[in-house]
Full PDB file with SEQRES, HELIX, SHEET, SSBOND, CRYST1, ORIGX, SCALE, CONECT and MASTER records, all heavy atoms in Angstrom:
SEQRES   1 A   30  LYS GLU PRO LEU TRP ARG ASP LEU VAL GLY ALA VAL LEU          
SEQRES   2 A   30  ARG ARG GLU ARG LEU ALA GLN GLU ARG THR LEU LYS ASP          
SEQRES   3 A   30  VAL ALA ASP ALA                                              
HELIX    1 AA1 TRP A    5  ALA A   19  1                                  15    
HELIX    2 AA2 LEU A   24  ASP A   29  1                                   6    
CRYST1    1.000    1.000    1.000  90.00  90.00  90.00 P 1           1          
ORIGX1      1.000000  0.000000  0.000000        0.00000                         
ORIGX2      0.000000  1.000000  0.000000        0.00000                         
ORIGX3      0.000000  0.000000  1.000000        0.00000                         
SCALE1      1.000000  0.000000  0.000000        0.00000                         
SCALE2      0.000000  1.000000  0.000000        0.00000                         
SCALE3      0.000000  0.000000  1.000000        0.00000                         
ATOM      1  N   LYS A   1    -132.754  17.925 117.758  1.00  0.00           N  
ATOM      2  CA  LYS A   1    -131.848  17.018 118.448  1.00  0.00           C  
ATOM      3  C   LYS A   1    -130.451  17.161 117.852  1.00  0.00           C  
ATOM      4  O   LYS A   1    -130.274  17.070 116.643  1.00  0.00           O  
ATOM      5  CB  LYS A   1    -132.354  15.593 118.265  1.00  0.00           C  
ATOM      6  CG  LYS A   1    -131.972  14.666 119.354  1.00  0.00           C  
ATOM      7  CD  LYS A   1    -132.694  13.347 119.169  1.00  0.00           C  
ATOM      8  CE  LYS A   1    -132.096  12.327 120.087  1.00  0.00           C  
ATOM      9  NZ  LYS A   1    -132.671  11.023 119.906  1.00  0.00           N  
ATOM     10  N   GLU A   2    -129.484  17.399 118.718  1.00  0.00           N  
ATOM     11  CA  GLU A   2    -128.113  17.497 118.247  1.00  0.00           C  
ATOM     12  C   GLU A   2    -127.572  16.088 118.018  1.00  0.00           C  
ATOM     13  O   GLU A   2    -127.904  15.159 118.750  1.00  0.00           O  
ATOM     14  CB  GLU A   2    -127.248  18.240 119.261  1.00  0.00           C  
ATOM     15  CG  GLU A   2    -127.592  19.707 119.361  1.00  0.00           C  
ATOM     16  CD  GLU A   2    -126.673  20.459 120.307  1.00  0.00           C  
ATOM     17  OE1 GLU A   2    -125.943  19.816 121.080  1.00  0.00           O  
ATOM     18  OE2 GLU A   2    -126.702  21.690 120.267  1.00  0.00           O  
ATOM     19  N   PRO A   3    -126.731  15.946 116.998  1.00  0.00           N  
ATOM     20  CA  PRO A   3    -126.171  14.614 116.754  1.00  0.00           C  
ATOM     21  C   PRO A   3    -125.227  14.195 117.872  1.00  0.00           C  
ATOM     22  O   PRO A   3    -124.671  15.026 118.579  1.00  0.00           O  
ATOM     23  CB  PRO A   3    -125.414  14.787 115.429  1.00  0.00           C  
ATOM     24  CG  PRO A   3    -125.209  16.246 115.265  1.00  0.00           C  
ATOM     25  CD  PRO A   3    -126.288  16.933 116.045  1.00  0.00           C  
ATOM     26  N   LEU A   4    -125.063  12.914 118.005  1.00  0.00           N  
ATOM     27  CA  LEU A   4    -124.141  12.381 119.005  1.00  0.00           C  
ATOM     28  C   LEU A   4    -122.710  12.526 118.509  1.00  0.00           C  
ATOM     29  O   LEU A   4    -122.431  12.399 117.313  1.00  0.00           O  
ATOM     30  CB  LEU A   4    -124.442  10.907 119.275  1.00  0.00           C  
ATOM     31  CG  LEU A   4    -125.812  10.600 119.872  1.00  0.00           C  
ATOM     32  CD1 LEU A   4    -126.008   9.091 119.973  1.00  0.00           C  
ATOM     33  CD2 LEU A   4    -125.956  11.261 121.227  1.00  0.00           C  
ATOM     34  N   TRP A   5    -121.802  12.773 119.446  1.00  0.00           N  
ATOM     35  CA  TRP A   5    -120.388  12.945 119.101  1.00  0.00           C  
ATOM     36  C   TRP A   5    -119.843  11.702 118.403  1.00  0.00           C  
ATOM     37  O   TRP A   5    -119.113  11.793 117.420  1.00  0.00           O  
ATOM     38  CB  TRP A   5    -119.600  13.266 120.375  1.00  0.00           C  
ATOM     39  CG  TRP A   5    -118.176  13.605 120.112  1.00  0.00           C  
ATOM     40  CD1 TRP A   5    -117.090  12.881 120.484  1.00  0.00           C  
ATOM     41  CD2 TRP A   5    -117.661  14.751 119.430  1.00  0.00           C  
ATOM     42  NE1 TRP A   5    -115.941  13.506 120.078  1.00  0.00           N  
ATOM     43  CE2 TRP A   5    -116.269  14.659 119.425  1.00  0.00           C  
ATOM     44  CE3 TRP A   5    -118.264  15.850 118.819  1.00  0.00           C  
ATOM     45  CZ2 TRP A   5    -115.447  15.613 118.829  1.00  0.00           C  
ATOM     46  CZ3 TRP A   5    -117.445  16.802 118.228  1.00  0.00           C  
ATOM     47  CH2 TRP A   5    -116.060  16.673 118.236  1.00  0.00           C  
ATOM     48  N   ARG A   6    -120.230  10.506 118.881  1.00  0.00           N  
ATOM     49  CA  ARG A   6    -119.711   9.281 118.270  1.00  0.00           C  
ATOM     50  C   ARG A   6    -120.173   9.137 116.826  1.00  0.00           C  
ATOM     51  O   ARG A   6    -119.450   8.612 115.994  1.00  0.00           O  
ATOM     52  CB  ARG A   6    -120.082   8.059 119.104  1.00  0.00           C  
ATOM     53  CG  ARG A   6    -121.560   7.740 119.126  1.00  0.00           C  
ATOM     54  CD  ARG A   6    -121.819   6.445 119.888  1.00  0.00           C  
ATOM     55  NE  ARG A   6    -123.218   6.128 119.836  1.00  0.00           N  
ATOM     56  CZ  ARG A   6    -124.014   6.116 120.884  1.00  0.00           C  
ATOM     57  NH1 ARG A   6    -123.548   6.379 122.083  1.00  0.00           N  
ATOM     58  NH2 ARG A   6    -125.288   5.822 120.756  1.00  0.00           N  
ATOM     59  N   ASP A   7    -121.381   9.633 116.508  1.00  0.00           N  
ATOM     60  CA  ASP A   7    -121.856   9.602 115.124  1.00  0.00           C  
ATOM     61  C   ASP A   7    -121.032  10.542 114.253  1.00  0.00           C  
ATOM     62  O   ASP A   7    -120.687  10.218 113.111  1.00  0.00           O  
ATOM     63  CB  ASP A   7    -123.333   9.999 115.044  1.00  0.00           C  
ATOM     64  CG  ASP A   7    -124.257   8.955 115.654  1.00  0.00           C  
ATOM     65  OD1 ASP A   7    -123.906   7.757 115.626  1.00  0.00           O  
ATOM     66  OD2 ASP A   7    -125.317   9.333 116.169  1.00  0.00           O  
ATOM     67  N   LEU A   8    -120.743  11.726 114.783  1.00  0.00           N  
ATOM     68  CA  LEU A   8    -119.970  12.707 114.023  1.00  0.00           C  
ATOM     69  C   LEU A   8    -118.554  12.216 113.753  1.00  0.00           C  
ATOM     70  O   LEU A   8    -118.057  12.287 112.624  1.00  0.00           O  
ATOM     71  CB  LEU A   8    -119.925  14.038 114.782  1.00  0.00           C  
ATOM     72  CG  LEU A   8    -121.264  14.753 114.925  1.00  0.00           C  
ATOM     73  CD1 LEU A   8    -121.173  15.825 115.993  1.00  0.00           C  
ATOM     74  CD2 LEU A   8    -121.689  15.337 113.604  1.00  0.00           C  
ATOM     75  N   VAL A   9    -117.892  11.719 114.792  1.00  0.00           N  
ATOM     76  CA  VAL A   9    -116.514  11.241 114.644  1.00  0.00           C  
ATOM     77  C   VAL A   9    -116.483  10.040 113.696  1.00  0.00           C  
ATOM     78  O   VAL A   9    -115.615   9.952 112.818  1.00  0.00           O  
ATOM     79  CB  VAL A   9    -115.911  10.893 116.019  1.00  0.00           C  
ATOM     80  CG1 VAL A   9    -114.567  10.192 115.873  1.00  0.00           C  
ATOM     81  CG2 VAL A   9    -115.749  12.154 116.853  1.00  0.00           C  
ATOM     82  N   GLY A  10    -117.425   9.139 113.849  1.00  0.00           N  
ATOM     83  CA  GLY A  10    -117.479   7.974 112.963  1.00  0.00           C  
ATOM     84  C   GLY A  10    -117.692   8.369 111.516  1.00  0.00           C  
ATOM     85  O   GLY A  10    -117.068   7.812 110.608  1.00  0.00           O  
ATOM     86  N   ALA A  11    -118.551   9.357 111.289  1.00  0.00           N  
ATOM     87  CA  ALA A  11    -118.802   9.827 109.919  1.00  0.00           C  
ATOM     88  C   ALA A  11    -117.548  10.443 109.314  1.00  0.00           C  
ATOM     89  O   ALA A  11    -117.262  10.252 108.126  1.00  0.00           O  
ATOM     90  CB  ALA A  11    -119.958  10.822 109.914  1.00  0.00           C  
ATOM     91  N   VAL A  12    -116.795  11.186 110.120  1.00  0.00           N  
ATOM     92  CA  VAL A  12    -115.551  11.778 109.621  1.00  0.00           C  
ATOM     93  C   VAL A  12    -114.556  10.676 109.259  1.00  0.00           C  
ATOM     94  O   VAL A  12    -113.933  10.720 108.189  1.00  0.00           O  
ATOM     95  CB  VAL A  12    -114.944  12.757 110.648  1.00  0.00           C  
ATOM     96  CG1 VAL A  12    -113.542  13.182 110.243  1.00  0.00           C  
ATOM     97  CG2 VAL A  12    -115.838  13.977 110.815  1.00  0.00           C  
ATOM     98  N   LEU A  13    -114.409   9.693 110.132  1.00  0.00           N  
ATOM     99  CA  LEU A  13    -113.490   8.593 109.833  1.00  0.00           C  
ATOM    100  C   LEU A  13    -113.879   7.893 108.533  1.00  0.00           C  
ATOM    101  O   LEU A  13    -113.025   7.623 107.678  1.00  0.00           O  
ATOM    102  CB  LEU A  13    -113.452   7.588 110.987  1.00  0.00           C  
ATOM    103  CG  LEU A  13    -112.748   8.039 112.263  1.00  0.00           C  
ATOM    104  CD1 LEU A  13    -112.967   7.032 113.381  1.00  0.00           C  
ATOM    105  CD2 LEU A  13    -111.260   8.260 112.007  1.00  0.00           C  
ATOM    106  N   ARG A  14    -115.146   7.592 108.385  1.00  0.00           N  
ATOM    107  CA  ARG A  14    -115.605   6.905 107.167  1.00  0.00           C  
ATOM    108  C   ARG A  14    -115.394   7.783 105.937  1.00  0.00           C  
ATOM    109  O   ARG A  14    -114.921   7.316 104.906  1.00  0.00           O  
ATOM    110  CB  ARG A  14    -117.073   6.510 107.290  1.00  0.00           C  
ATOM    111  CG  ARG A  14    -117.598   5.878 105.990  1.00  0.00           C  
ATOM    112  CD  ARG A  14    -118.919   5.234 106.185  1.00  0.00           C  
ATOM    113  NE  ARG A  14    -118.643   3.953 106.826  1.00  0.00           N  
ATOM    114  CZ  ARG A  14    -119.577   3.094 107.223  1.00  0.00           C  
ATOM    115  NH1 ARG A  14    -120.837   3.387 107.079  1.00  0.00           N  
ATOM    116  NH2 ARG A  14    -119.252   1.961 107.776  1.00  0.00           N  
ATOM    117  N   ARG A  15    -115.754   9.064 106.042  1.00  0.00           N  
ATOM    118  CA  ARG A  15    -115.599   9.985 104.910  1.00  0.00           C  
ATOM    119  C   ARG A  15    -114.131  10.070 104.482  1.00  0.00           C  
ATOM    120  O   ARG A  15    -113.815  10.004 103.295  1.00  0.00           O  
ATOM    121  CB  ARG A  15    -116.143  11.358 105.294  1.00  0.00           C  
ATOM    122  CG  ARG A  15    -116.172  12.354 104.166  1.00  0.00           C  
ATOM    123  CD  ARG A  15    -116.891  13.629 104.549  1.00  0.00           C  
ATOM    124  NE  ARG A  15    -116.184  14.322 105.621  1.00  0.00           N  
ATOM    125  CZ  ARG A  15    -116.757  14.809 106.716  1.00  0.00           C  
ATOM    126  NH1 ARG A  15    -118.058  14.669 106.901  1.00  0.00           N  
ATOM    127  NH2 ARG A  15    -116.052  15.412 107.642  1.00  0.00           N  
ATOM    128  N   GLU A  16    -113.233  10.187 105.452  1.00  0.00           N  
ATOM    129  CA  GLU A  16    -111.809  10.277 105.141  1.00  0.00           C  
ATOM    130  C   GLU A  16    -111.296   8.965 104.536  1.00  0.00           C  
ATOM    131  O   GLU A  16    -110.515   8.980 103.593  1.00  0.00           O  
ATOM    132  CB  GLU A  16    -111.005  10.642 106.385  1.00  0.00           C  
ATOM    133  CG  GLU A  16    -111.269  12.056 106.872  1.00  0.00           C  
ATOM    134  CD  GLU A  16    -110.878  13.114 105.863  1.00  0.00           C  
ATOM    135  OE1 GLU A  16    -109.801  13.009 105.231  1.00  0.00           O  
ATOM    136  OE2 GLU A  16    -111.655  14.069 105.697  1.00  0.00           O  
ATOM    137  N   ARG A  17    -111.733   7.836 105.081  1.00  0.00           N  
ATOM    138  CA  ARG A  17    -111.296   6.538 104.555  1.00  0.00           C  
ATOM    139  C   ARG A  17    -111.755   6.348 103.116  1.00  0.00           C  
ATOM    140  O   ARG A  17    -110.983   5.944 102.246  1.00  0.00           O  
ATOM    141  CB  ARG A  17    -111.834   5.402 105.444  1.00  0.00           C  
ATOM    142  CG  ARG A  17    -111.434   4.014 104.956  1.00  0.00           C  
ATOM    143  CD  ARG A  17    -111.949   2.921 105.867  1.00  0.00           C  
ATOM    144  NE  ARG A  17    -113.393   2.882 105.997  1.00  0.00           N  
ATOM    145  CZ  ARG A  17    -114.222   2.363 105.084  1.00  0.00           C  
ATOM    146  NH1 ARG A  17    -113.760   1.860 103.962  1.00  0.00           N  
ATOM    147  NH2 ARG A  17    -115.525   2.346 105.306  1.00  0.00           N  
ATOM    148  N   LEU A  18    -113.023   6.693 102.866  1.00  0.00           N  
ATOM    149  CA  LEU A  18    -113.547   6.534 101.506  1.00  0.00           C  
ATOM    150  C   LEU A  18    -112.899   7.522 100.536  1.00  0.00           C  
ATOM    151  O   LEU A  18    -112.667   7.185  99.371  1.00  0.00           O  
ATOM    152  CB  LEU A  18    -115.071   6.700 101.510  1.00  0.00           C  
ATOM    153  CG  LEU A  18    -115.837   5.596 102.252  1.00  0.00           C  
ATOM    154  CD1 LEU A  18    -117.323   5.916 102.297  1.00  0.00           C  
ATOM    155  CD2 LEU A  18    -115.575   4.229 101.625  1.00  0.00           C  
ATOM    156  N   ALA A  19    -112.601   8.722 100.998  1.00  0.00           N  
ATOM    157  CA  ALA A  19    -111.930   9.713 100.140  1.00  0.00           C  
ATOM    158  C   ALA A  19    -110.549   9.210  99.729  1.00  0.00           C  
ATOM    159  O   ALA A  19    -110.063   9.533  98.638  1.00  0.00           O  
ATOM    160  CB  ALA A  19    -111.814  11.049 100.867  1.00  0.00           C  
ATOM    161  N   GLN A  20    -109.922   8.418 100.575  1.00  0.00           N  
ATOM    162  CA  GLN A  20    -108.609   7.854 100.268  1.00  0.00           C  
ATOM    163  C   GLN A  20    -108.723   6.507  99.551  1.00  0.00           C  
ATOM    164  O   GLN A  20    -107.705   5.873  99.258  1.00  0.00           O  
ATOM    165  CB  GLN A  20    -107.801   7.686 101.563  1.00  0.00           C  
ATOM    166  CG  GLN A  20    -107.464   8.990 102.239  1.00  0.00           C  
ATOM    167  CD  GLN A  20    -106.740   8.787 103.557  1.00  0.00           C  
ATOM    168  OE1 GLN A  20    -106.111   7.761 103.804  1.00  0.00           O  
ATOM    169  NE2 GLN A  20    -106.823   9.795 104.420  1.00  0.00           N  
ATOM    170  N   GLU A  21    -109.962   6.076  99.315  1.00  0.00           N  
ATOM    171  CA  GLU A  21    -110.239   4.811  98.645  1.00  0.00           C  
ATOM    172  C   GLU A  21    -109.547   3.642  99.348  1.00  0.00           C  
ATOM    173  O   GLU A  21    -108.939   2.784  98.727  1.00  0.00           O  
ATOM    174  CB  GLU A  21    -109.848   4.874  97.163  1.00  0.00           C  
ATOM    175  CG  GLU A  21    -110.631   5.924  96.400  1.00  0.00           C  
ATOM    176  CD  GLU A  21    -110.237   6.026  94.937  1.00  0.00           C  
ATOM    177  OE1 GLU A  21    -109.280   5.346  94.499  1.00  0.00           O  
ATOM    178  OE2 GLU A  21    -110.903   6.798  94.229  1.00  0.00           O  
ATOM    179  N   ARG A  22    -109.661   3.625 100.664  1.00  0.00           N  
ATOM    180  CA  ARG A  22    -109.052   2.571 101.469  1.00  0.00           C  
ATOM    181  C   ARG A  22    -110.135   1.689 102.061  1.00  0.00           C  
ATOM    182  O   ARG A  22    -111.258   2.136 102.288  1.00  0.00           O  
ATOM    183  CB  ARG A  22    -108.187   3.186 102.568  1.00  0.00           C  
ATOM    184  CG  ARG A  22    -106.976   3.918 101.959  1.00  0.00           C  
ATOM    185  CD  ARG A  22    -106.151   4.624 102.963  1.00  0.00           C  
ATOM    186  NE  ARG A  22    -105.498   3.685 103.886  1.00  0.00           N  
ATOM    187  CZ  ARG A  22    -104.838   4.093 104.970  1.00  0.00           C  
ATOM    188  NH1 ARG A  22    -104.733   5.375 105.252  1.00  0.00           N  
ATOM    189  NH2 ARG A  22    -104.276   3.210 105.762  1.00  0.00           N  
ATOM    190  N   THR A  23    -109.776   0.463 102.340  1.00  0.00           N  
ATOM    191  CA  THR A  23    -110.733  -0.487 102.913  1.00  0.00           C  
ATOM    192  C   THR A  23    -110.702  -0.404 104.436  1.00  0.00           C  
ATOM    193  O   THR A  23    -109.737   0.094 105.028  1.00  0.00           O  
ATOM    194  CB  THR A  23    -110.394  -1.930 102.491  1.00  0.00           C  
ATOM    195  OG1 THR A  23    -109.126  -2.286 103.048  1.00  0.00           O  
ATOM    196  CG2 THR A  23    -110.380  -2.083 100.976  1.00  0.00           C  
ATOM    197  N   LEU A  24    -111.754  -0.931 105.034  1.00  0.00           N  
ATOM    198  CA  LEU A  24    -111.791  -1.039 106.496  1.00  0.00           C  
ATOM    199  C   LEU A  24    -110.601  -1.850 106.987  1.00  0.00           C  
ATOM    200  O   LEU A  24    -109.956  -1.489 107.962  1.00  0.00           O  
ATOM    201  CB  LEU A  24    -113.087  -1.712 106.953  1.00  0.00           C  
ATOM    202  CG  LEU A  24    -114.305  -0.841 107.162  1.00  0.00           C  
ATOM    203  CD1 LEU A  24    -115.549  -1.704 107.336  1.00  0.00           C  
ATOM    204  CD2 LEU A  24    -114.122   0.066 108.355  1.00  0.00           C  
ATOM    205  N   LYS A  25    -110.313  -2.941 106.302  1.00  0.00           N  
ATOM    206  CA  LYS A  25    -109.211  -3.816 106.723  1.00  0.00           C  
ATOM    207  C   LYS A  25    -107.885  -3.071 106.681  1.00  0.00           C  
ATOM    208  O   LYS A  25    -107.082  -3.173 107.623  1.00  0.00           O  
ATOM    209  CB  LYS A  25    -109.155  -5.068 105.853  1.00  0.00           C  
ATOM    210  CG  LYS A  25    -108.027  -6.011 106.273  1.00  0.00           C  
ATOM    211  CD  LYS A  25    -108.126  -7.335 105.573  1.00  0.00           C  
ATOM    212  CE  LYS A  25    -107.040  -8.312 105.916  1.00  0.00           C  
ATOM    213  NZ  LYS A  25    -106.177  -8.075 107.002  1.00  0.00           N  
ATOM    214  N   ASP A  26    -107.654  -2.327 105.639  1.00  0.00           N  
ATOM    215  CA  ASP A  26    -106.400  -1.583 105.507  1.00  0.00           C  
ATOM    216  C   ASP A  26    -106.221  -0.601 106.661  1.00  0.00           C  
ATOM    217  O   ASP A  26    -105.173  -0.549 107.301  1.00  0.00           O  
ATOM    218  CB  ASP A  26    -106.396  -0.850 104.157  1.00  0.00           C  
ATOM    219  CG  ASP A  26    -105.167   0.022 103.976  1.00  0.00           C  
ATOM    220  OD1 ASP A  26    -104.062  -0.397 104.360  1.00  0.00           O  
ATOM    221  OD2 ASP A  26    -105.331   1.146 103.443  1.00  0.00           O  
ATOM    222  N   VAL A  27    -107.260   0.171 106.945  1.00  0.00           N  
ATOM    223  CA  VAL A  27    -107.166   1.184 108.009  1.00  0.00           C  
ATOM    224  C   VAL A  27    -107.109   0.510 109.374  1.00  0.00           C  
ATOM    225  O   VAL A  27    -106.326   0.915 110.249  1.00  0.00           O  
ATOM    226  CB  VAL A  27    -108.338   2.184 107.919  1.00  0.00           C  
ATOM    227  CG1 VAL A  27    -108.320   3.162 109.080  1.00  0.00           C  
ATOM    228  CG2 VAL A  27    -108.277   2.940 106.587  1.00  0.00           C  
ATOM    229  N   ALA A  28    -107.905  -0.524 109.578  1.00  0.00           N  
ATOM    230  CA  ALA A  28    -107.899  -1.225 110.871  1.00  0.00           C  
ATOM    231  C   ALA A  28    -106.529  -1.843 111.140  1.00  0.00           C  
ATOM    232  O   ALA A  28    -106.013  -1.769 112.270  1.00  0.00           O  
ATOM    233  CB  ALA A  28    -108.986  -2.295 110.893  1.00  0.00           C  
ATOM    234  N   ASP A  29    -105.922  -2.448 110.117  1.00  0.00           N  
ATOM    235  CA  ASP A  29    -104.586  -3.024 110.298  1.00  0.00           C  
ATOM    236  C   ASP A  29    -103.563  -1.941 110.636  1.00  0.00           C  
ATOM    237  O   ASP A  29    -102.739  -2.117 111.529  1.00  0.00           O  
ATOM    238  CB  ASP A  29    -104.142  -3.772 109.030  1.00  0.00           C  
ATOM    239  CG  ASP A  29    -104.889  -5.079 108.821  1.00  0.00           C  
ATOM    240  OD1 ASP A  29    -105.583  -5.531 109.762  1.00  0.00           O  
ATOM    241  OD2 ASP A  29    -104.800  -5.639 107.710  1.00  0.00           O  
ATOM    242  N   ALA A  30    -103.618  -0.813 109.951  1.00  0.00           N  
ATOM    243  CA  ALA A  30    -102.678   0.280 110.208  1.00  0.00           C  
ATOM    244  C   ALA A  30    -102.877   0.863 111.608  1.00  0.00           C  
ATOM    245  O   ALA A  30    -101.919   1.290 112.255  1.00  0.00           O  
ATOM    246  CB  ALA A  30    -102.827   1.374 109.151  1.00  0.00           C  
TER     247      ALA A  30                                                      
MASTER        0    0    0    2    0    0    0    6  246    1    0    3          
END                                                                             
């Protein structure tokens, strides 16, 4: 089964946010 595009994009967003040590609130506000 191939992964869903929304799962892949979401994982990239989370990985990038965590690599920058930023919070959900910080990124959501920006």
